[in-house]
């Protein structure tokens, strides 16, 4: 996974290479930005479509952007509340361990 925290001053731009095998998301923390031909407002997350580059441009002021790029795990997923495993059987076992108090395998030093 790639995680970038980017700050651009007013009038600046930045072009990032994108991996076509990855999934990319941009979150605007501060300011409005132009992503390619689209203006994205502050406090908005955008999952990017296909492409091999992303060009970020400021609109009328500085921007602060979080950029995420990750890759599919290509594994099955079984999800139940706060626990994520690969199969329903693993999920059932995890909840049984949670009920029995054995889910956490290592306790912090000094804790009984």
N, C-alpha and C. Protein backbone atom coordinates (compact mmCIF):
# COMPACT_ATOMS: atom_id res chain seq x y z
N UNK A 1 0.85 -1.17 0.00
CA UNK A 1 0.00 0.00 0.00
C UNK A 1 0.89 1.24 0.00
N UNK A 2 0.47 2.23 -0.73
CA UNK A 2 1.14 3.52 -0.74
C UNK A 2 0.22 4.54 -0.10
N UNK A 3 0.77 5.34 0.80
CA UNK A 3 0.01 6.40 1.46
C UNK A 3 0.84 7.67 1.37
N UNK A 4 0.29 8.72 0.78
CA UNK A 4 0.99 9.99 0.66
C UNK A 4 0.14 11.10 1.26
N UNK A 5 0.78 11.97 2.01
CA UNK A 5 0.15 13.20 2.49
C UNK A 5 0.78 14.32 1.68
N UNK A 6 -0.03 15.03 0.91
CA UNK A 6 0.47 16.01 -0.04
C UNK A 6 -0.10 17.39 0.28
N UNK A 7 0.77 18.38 0.31
CA UNK A 7 0.32 19.77 0.48
C UNK A 7 0.87 20.57 -0.69
N UNK A 8 -0.03 21.27 -1.37
CA UNK A 8 0.37 22.13 -2.48
C UNK A 8 -0.08 23.56 -2.20
N UNK A 9 0.80 24.49 -2.44
CA UNK A 9 0.46 25.90 -2.28
C UNK A 9 -0.36 26.37 -3.48
N UNK A 10 -1.04 27.48 -3.32
CA UNK A 10 -1.88 28.03 -4.39
C UNK A 10 -1.07 28.17 -5.68
N UNK A 11 -1.67 27.76 -6.79
CA UNK A 11 -1.03 27.86 -8.10
C UNK A 11 -0.14 26.68 -8.45
N UNK A 12 0.01 25.73 -7.53
CA UNK A 12 0.90 24.59 -7.79
C UNK A 12 0.13 23.41 -8.37
N UNK A 13 0.89 22.48 -8.96
CA UNK A 13 0.31 21.24 -9.47
C UNK A 13 1.32 20.12 -9.27
N UNK A 14 0.83 18.90 -9.31
CA UNK A 14 1.67 17.72 -9.12
C UNK A 14 1.07 16.59 -9.94
N UNK A 15 1.92 15.85 -10.66
CA UNK A 15 1.47 14.68 -11.40
C UNK A 15 2.09 13.44 -10.78
N UNK A 16 1.24 12.47 -10.45
CA UNK A 16 1.67 11.22 -9.84
C UNK A 16 1.47 10.07 -10.81
N UNK A 17 2.42 9.12 -10.88
CA UNK A 17 2.19 7.92 -11.68
C UNK A 17 1.23 6.99 -10.93
N UNK A 18 0.36 6.31 -11.66
CA UNK A 18 -0.58 5.36 -11.08
C UNK A 18 -0.30 3.98 -11.62
N UNK A 19 -0.40 2.99 -10.76
CA UNK A 19 -0.23 1.61 -11.17
C UNK A 19 -1.58 1.08 -11.65
N UNK A 20 -1.70 0.65 -12.90
CA UNK A 20 -3.00 0.17 -13.40
C UNK A 20 -3.50 -1.07 -12.65
N UNK A 21 -2.62 -1.77 -11.94
CA UNK A 21 -3.04 -2.93 -11.15
C UNK A 21 -3.59 -2.54 -9.79
N UNK A 22 -3.40 -1.27 -9.42
CA UNK A 22 -3.82 -0.81 -8.10
C UNK A 22 -5.16 -0.13 -8.11
N UNK A 23 -5.62 0.19 -6.92
CA UNK A 23 -6.84 0.95 -6.71
C UNK A 23 -6.43 2.22 -5.97
N UNK A 24 -6.82 3.38 -6.50
CA UNK A 24 -6.38 4.64 -5.94
C UNK A 24 -7.56 5.45 -5.42
N UNK A 25 -7.33 6.11 -4.28
CA UNK A 25 -8.32 6.99 -3.68
C UNK A 25 -7.63 8.27 -3.25
N UNK A 26 -8.31 9.38 -3.42
CA UNK A 26 -7.82 10.69 -3.00
C UNK A 26 -8.85 11.28 -2.05
N UNK A 27 -8.36 11.86 -0.93
CA UNK A 27 -9.25 12.55 0.01
C UNK A 27 -8.73 13.96 0.20
N UNK A 28 -9.60 14.95 -0.05
CA UNK A 28 -9.24 16.36 0.10
C UNK A 28 -9.47 16.77 1.54
N UNK A 29 -8.40 17.00 2.28
CA UNK A 29 -8.51 17.47 3.66
C UNK A 29 -8.78 18.96 3.73
N UNK A 30 -8.07 19.70 2.88
CA UNK A 30 -8.17 21.17 2.91
C UNK A 30 -8.19 21.71 1.48
N UNK A 31 -9.11 22.59 1.23
CA UNK A 31 -9.18 23.26 -0.07
C UNK A 31 -9.85 22.41 -1.14
N UNK A 32 -10.19 23.07 -2.24
CA UNK A 32 -10.75 22.41 -3.41
C UNK A 32 -9.61 22.17 -4.39
N UNK A 33 -9.67 21.06 -5.12
CA UNK A 33 -8.60 20.73 -6.06
C UNK A 33 -9.17 20.28 -7.39
N UNK A 34 -8.37 20.45 -8.41
CA UNK A 34 -8.71 19.95 -9.73
C UNK A 34 -7.96 18.64 -9.90
N UNK A 35 -8.72 17.56 -10.12
CA UNK A 35 -8.15 16.25 -10.43
C UNK A 35 -8.44 15.99 -11.89
N UNK A 36 -7.44 16.14 -12.73
CA UNK A 36 -7.68 16.09 -14.16
C UNK A 36 -8.58 17.23 -14.55
N UNK A 37 -9.76 16.93 -15.10
CA UNK A 37 -10.71 17.96 -15.53
C UNK A 37 -11.83 18.21 -14.53
N UNK A 38 -11.78 17.56 -13.37
CA UNK A 38 -12.86 17.63 -12.40
C UNK A 38 -12.42 18.40 -11.15
N UNK A 39 -13.26 19.32 -10.69
CA UNK A 39 -12.99 20.02 -9.43
C UNK A 39 -13.63 19.21 -8.30
N UNK A 40 -12.81 18.90 -7.30
CA UNK A 40 -13.27 18.12 -6.14
C UNK A 40 -13.23 19.03 -4.92
N UNK A 41 -14.33 19.06 -4.18
CA UNK A 41 -14.44 19.95 -3.02
C UNK A 41 -13.76 19.37 -1.79
N UNK A 42 -13.37 20.27 -0.92
CA UNK A 42 -12.78 19.92 0.37
C UNK A 42 -13.67 18.91 1.11
N UNK A 43 -13.02 18.01 1.84
CA UNK A 43 -13.69 16.96 2.65
C UNK A 43 -14.42 15.94 1.78
N UNK A 44 -13.90 15.71 0.58
CA UNK A 44 -14.50 14.75 -0.35
C UNK A 44 -13.48 13.67 -0.69
N UNK A 45 -13.93 12.43 -0.72
CA UNK A 45 -13.09 11.31 -1.15
C UNK A 45 -13.50 10.91 -2.55
N UNK A 46 -12.49 10.56 -3.37
CA UNK A 46 -12.74 10.16 -4.75
C UNK A 46 -11.94 8.90 -5.04
N UNK A 47 -12.62 7.87 -5.52
CA UNK A 47 -11.92 6.69 -6.01
C UNK A 47 -11.65 6.93 -7.50
N UNK A 48 -10.39 6.81 -7.88
CA UNK A 48 -10.01 7.16 -9.24
C UNK A 48 -10.39 6.07 -10.23
N UNK A 49 -10.70 6.48 -11.44
CA UNK A 49 -10.98 5.55 -12.53
C UNK A 49 -9.66 5.15 -13.17
N UNK A 50 -9.74 4.42 -14.24
CA UNK A 50 -8.54 3.94 -14.93
C UNK A 50 -7.70 5.10 -15.44
N UNK A 51 -6.40 4.86 -15.51
CA UNK A 51 -5.47 5.86 -16.00
C UNK A 51 -4.08 5.55 -15.47
N UNK A 52 -3.07 6.16 -16.07
CA UNK A 52 -1.72 5.88 -15.61
C UNK A 52 -1.07 7.05 -14.89
N UNK A 53 -1.78 8.20 -14.82
CA UNK A 53 -1.29 9.34 -14.04
C UNK A 53 -2.46 10.07 -13.40
N UNK A 54 -2.15 10.81 -12.35
CA UNK A 54 -3.11 11.70 -11.71
C UNK A 54 -2.44 13.06 -11.62
N UNK A 55 -3.12 14.09 -12.12
CA UNK A 55 -2.61 15.45 -11.98
C UNK A 55 -3.50 16.20 -11.00
N UNK A 56 -2.89 16.65 -9.91
CA UNK A 56 -3.55 17.47 -8.90
C UNK A 56 -3.19 18.92 -9.14
N UNK A 57 -4.19 19.81 -9.10
CA UNK A 57 -3.94 21.23 -9.24
C UNK A 57 -4.76 21.96 -8.18
N UNK A 58 -4.18 23.01 -7.66
CA UNK A 58 -4.94 23.83 -6.72
C UNK A 58 -5.96 24.65 -7.51
N UNK A 59 -7.00 25.11 -6.84
CA UNK A 59 -7.96 25.99 -7.50
C UNK A 59 -7.61 27.42 -7.13
N UNK A 60 -8.06 27.90 -5.96
CA UNK A 60 -7.78 29.29 -5.59
C UNK A 60 -6.97 29.42 -4.30
N UNK A 61 -6.55 28.33 -3.73
CA UNK A 61 -5.78 28.38 -2.49
C UNK A 61 -5.00 27.10 -2.31
N UNK A 62 -4.31 26.96 -1.18
CA UNK A 62 -3.54 25.75 -0.93
C UNK A 62 -4.46 24.54 -0.73
N UNK A 63 -3.92 23.36 -0.96
CA UNK A 63 -4.68 22.13 -0.72
C UNK A 63 -3.83 21.16 0.10
N UNK A 64 -4.53 20.32 0.84
CA UNK A 64 -3.90 19.20 1.53
C UNK A 64 -4.68 17.95 1.15
N UNK A 65 -3.96 16.96 0.63
CA UNK A 65 -4.58 15.78 0.03
C UNK A 65 -3.96 14.52 0.63
N UNK A 66 -4.80 13.52 0.88
CA UNK A 66 -4.31 12.19 1.21
C UNK A 66 -4.50 11.31 -0.02
N UNK A 67 -3.46 10.61 -0.41
CA UNK A 67 -3.50 9.72 -1.58
C UNK A 67 -3.22 8.30 -1.10
N UNK A 68 -4.08 7.37 -1.48
CA UNK A 68 -3.94 5.97 -1.13
C UNK A 68 -3.90 5.14 -2.40
N UNK A 69 -2.98 4.17 -2.45
CA UNK A 69 -2.97 3.21 -3.55
C UNK A 69 -2.76 1.84 -2.92
N UNK A 70 -3.65 0.92 -3.24
CA UNK A 70 -3.55 -0.43 -2.67
C UNK A 70 -3.84 -1.46 -3.76
N UNK A 71 -3.64 -2.70 -3.39
CA UNK A 71 -3.76 -3.80 -4.36
C UNK A 71 -4.70 -4.86 -3.82
N UNK A 72 -5.46 -5.51 -4.70
CA UNK A 72 -6.39 -6.55 -4.24
C UNK A 72 -5.63 -7.72 -3.62
N UNK A 73 -6.21 -8.29 -2.58
CA UNK A 73 -5.60 -9.44 -1.91
C UNK A 73 -5.85 -10.74 -2.66
N UNK A 74 -6.90 -10.76 -3.47
CA UNK A 74 -7.29 -11.98 -4.18
C UNK A 74 -7.48 -13.15 -3.21
N UNK A 75 -8.13 -12.87 -2.11
CA UNK A 75 -8.45 -13.89 -1.11
C UNK A 75 -9.94 -13.76 -0.77
N UNK A 76 -10.52 -14.88 -0.36
CA UNK A 76 -11.91 -14.82 0.09
C UNK A 76 -11.96 -14.07 1.41
N UNK A 77 -13.11 -13.47 1.68
CA UNK A 77 -13.28 -12.68 2.90
C UNK A 77 -14.58 -13.09 3.57
N UNK A 78 -14.47 -13.38 4.88
CA UNK A 78 -15.64 -13.62 5.72
C UNK A 78 -15.60 -12.54 6.80
N UNK A 79 -16.66 -11.77 6.90
CA UNK A 79 -16.67 -10.62 7.79
C UNK A 79 -17.81 -10.74 8.78
N UNK A 80 -17.50 -10.46 10.04
CA UNK A 80 -18.52 -10.43 11.08
C UNK A 80 -18.16 -9.38 12.11
N UNK A 81 -18.85 -8.25 12.10
CA UNK A 81 -18.54 -7.18 13.06
C UNK A 81 -17.11 -6.72 12.92
N UNK A 82 -16.35 -6.76 14.02
CA UNK A 82 -14.98 -6.26 13.98
C UNK A 82 -13.96 -7.28 13.49
N UNK A 83 -14.39 -8.48 13.18
CA UNK A 83 -13.45 -9.55 12.81
C UNK A 83 -13.58 -9.88 11.33
N UNK A 84 -12.44 -9.98 10.67
CA UNK A 84 -12.39 -10.35 9.26
C UNK A 84 -11.45 -11.54 9.12
N UNK A 85 -11.93 -12.60 8.51
CA UNK A 85 -11.13 -13.81 8.29
C UNK A 85 -11.32 -14.21 6.82
N UNK A 86 -10.76 -15.37 6.45
CA UNK A 86 -10.89 -15.84 5.07
C UNK A 86 -12.11 -16.74 4.85
N UNK A 87 -12.54 -17.48 5.87
CA UNK A 87 -13.67 -18.39 5.71
C UNK A 87 -14.64 -18.23 6.87
N UNK A 88 -15.85 -18.72 6.68
CA UNK A 88 -16.85 -18.68 7.75
C UNK A 88 -16.39 -19.54 8.93
N UNK A 89 -15.72 -20.66 8.64
CA UNK A 89 -15.21 -21.53 9.71
C UNK A 89 -14.19 -20.78 10.57
N UNK A 90 -13.28 -20.04 9.93
CA UNK A 90 -12.29 -19.25 10.67
C UNK A 90 -12.99 -18.16 11.49
N UNK A 91 -14.02 -17.56 10.93
CA UNK A 91 -14.77 -16.54 11.64
C UNK A 91 -15.47 -17.13 12.86
N UNK A 92 -16.09 -18.30 12.70
CA UNK A 92 -16.75 -18.98 13.82
C UNK A 92 -15.74 -19.29 14.92
N UNK A 93 -14.55 -19.76 14.54
CA UNK A 93 -13.51 -20.09 15.52
C UNK A 93 -13.04 -18.83 16.25
N UNK A 94 -12.91 -17.74 15.52
CA UNK A 94 -12.48 -16.48 16.14
C UNK A 94 -13.50 -15.99 17.16
N UNK A 95 -14.79 -16.09 16.85
CA UNK A 95 -15.82 -15.69 17.81
C UNK A 95 -15.87 -16.63 19.01
N UNK A 96 -15.61 -17.91 18.79
CA UNK A 96 -15.53 -18.85 19.91
C UNK A 96 -14.37 -18.46 20.83
N UNK A 97 -13.22 -18.14 20.26
CA UNK A 97 -12.07 -17.70 21.05
C UNK A 97 -12.38 -16.40 21.78
N UNK A 98 -13.10 -15.50 21.15
CA UNK A 98 -13.48 -14.25 21.78
C UNK A 98 -14.35 -14.52 23.00
N UNK A 99 -15.32 -15.41 22.87
CA UNK A 99 -16.19 -15.77 24.00
C UNK A 99 -15.41 -16.45 25.12
N UNK A 100 -14.41 -17.27 24.76
CA UNK A 100 -13.61 -18.01 25.75
C UNK A 100 -12.48 -17.19 26.35
N UNK A 101 -12.25 -16.00 25.81
CA UNK A 101 -11.18 -15.15 26.32
C UNK A 101 -9.80 -15.53 25.81
N UNK A 102 -9.73 -16.30 24.72
CA UNK A 102 -8.43 -16.74 24.19
C UNK A 102 -8.12 -16.11 22.83
N UNK A 103 -8.91 -15.15 22.41
CA UNK A 103 -8.72 -14.54 21.09
C UNK A 103 -7.39 -13.78 21.01
N UNK A 104 -7.06 -13.01 22.06
CA UNK A 104 -5.79 -12.28 22.08
C UNK A 104 -4.72 -13.25 22.56
N UNK A 105 -3.75 -13.51 21.70
CA UNK A 105 -2.73 -14.54 21.96
C UNK A 105 -1.59 -14.03 22.83
N UNK A 106 -1.18 -12.77 22.67
CA UNK A 106 -0.09 -12.20 23.45
C UNK A 106 -0.60 -10.99 24.20
N UNK A 107 -0.34 -10.99 25.51
CA UNK A 107 -0.75 -9.85 26.32
C UNK A 107 0.44 -8.94 26.54
N UNK A 108 0.20 -7.64 26.71
CA UNK A 108 1.30 -6.72 26.98
C UNK A 108 2.05 -7.12 28.24
N UNK A 109 3.33 -6.80 28.24
CA UNK A 109 4.19 -7.14 29.37
C UNK A 109 3.64 -6.54 30.66
N UNK A 110 3.63 -7.36 31.73
CA UNK A 110 3.14 -6.90 33.02
C UNK A 110 1.65 -7.06 33.21
N UNK A 111 0.95 -7.51 32.18
CA UNK A 111 -0.50 -7.70 32.29
C UNK A 111 -0.78 -9.18 32.50
N UNK A 112 -1.66 -9.51 33.43
CA UNK A 112 -1.99 -10.91 33.74
C UNK A 112 -2.93 -11.50 32.72
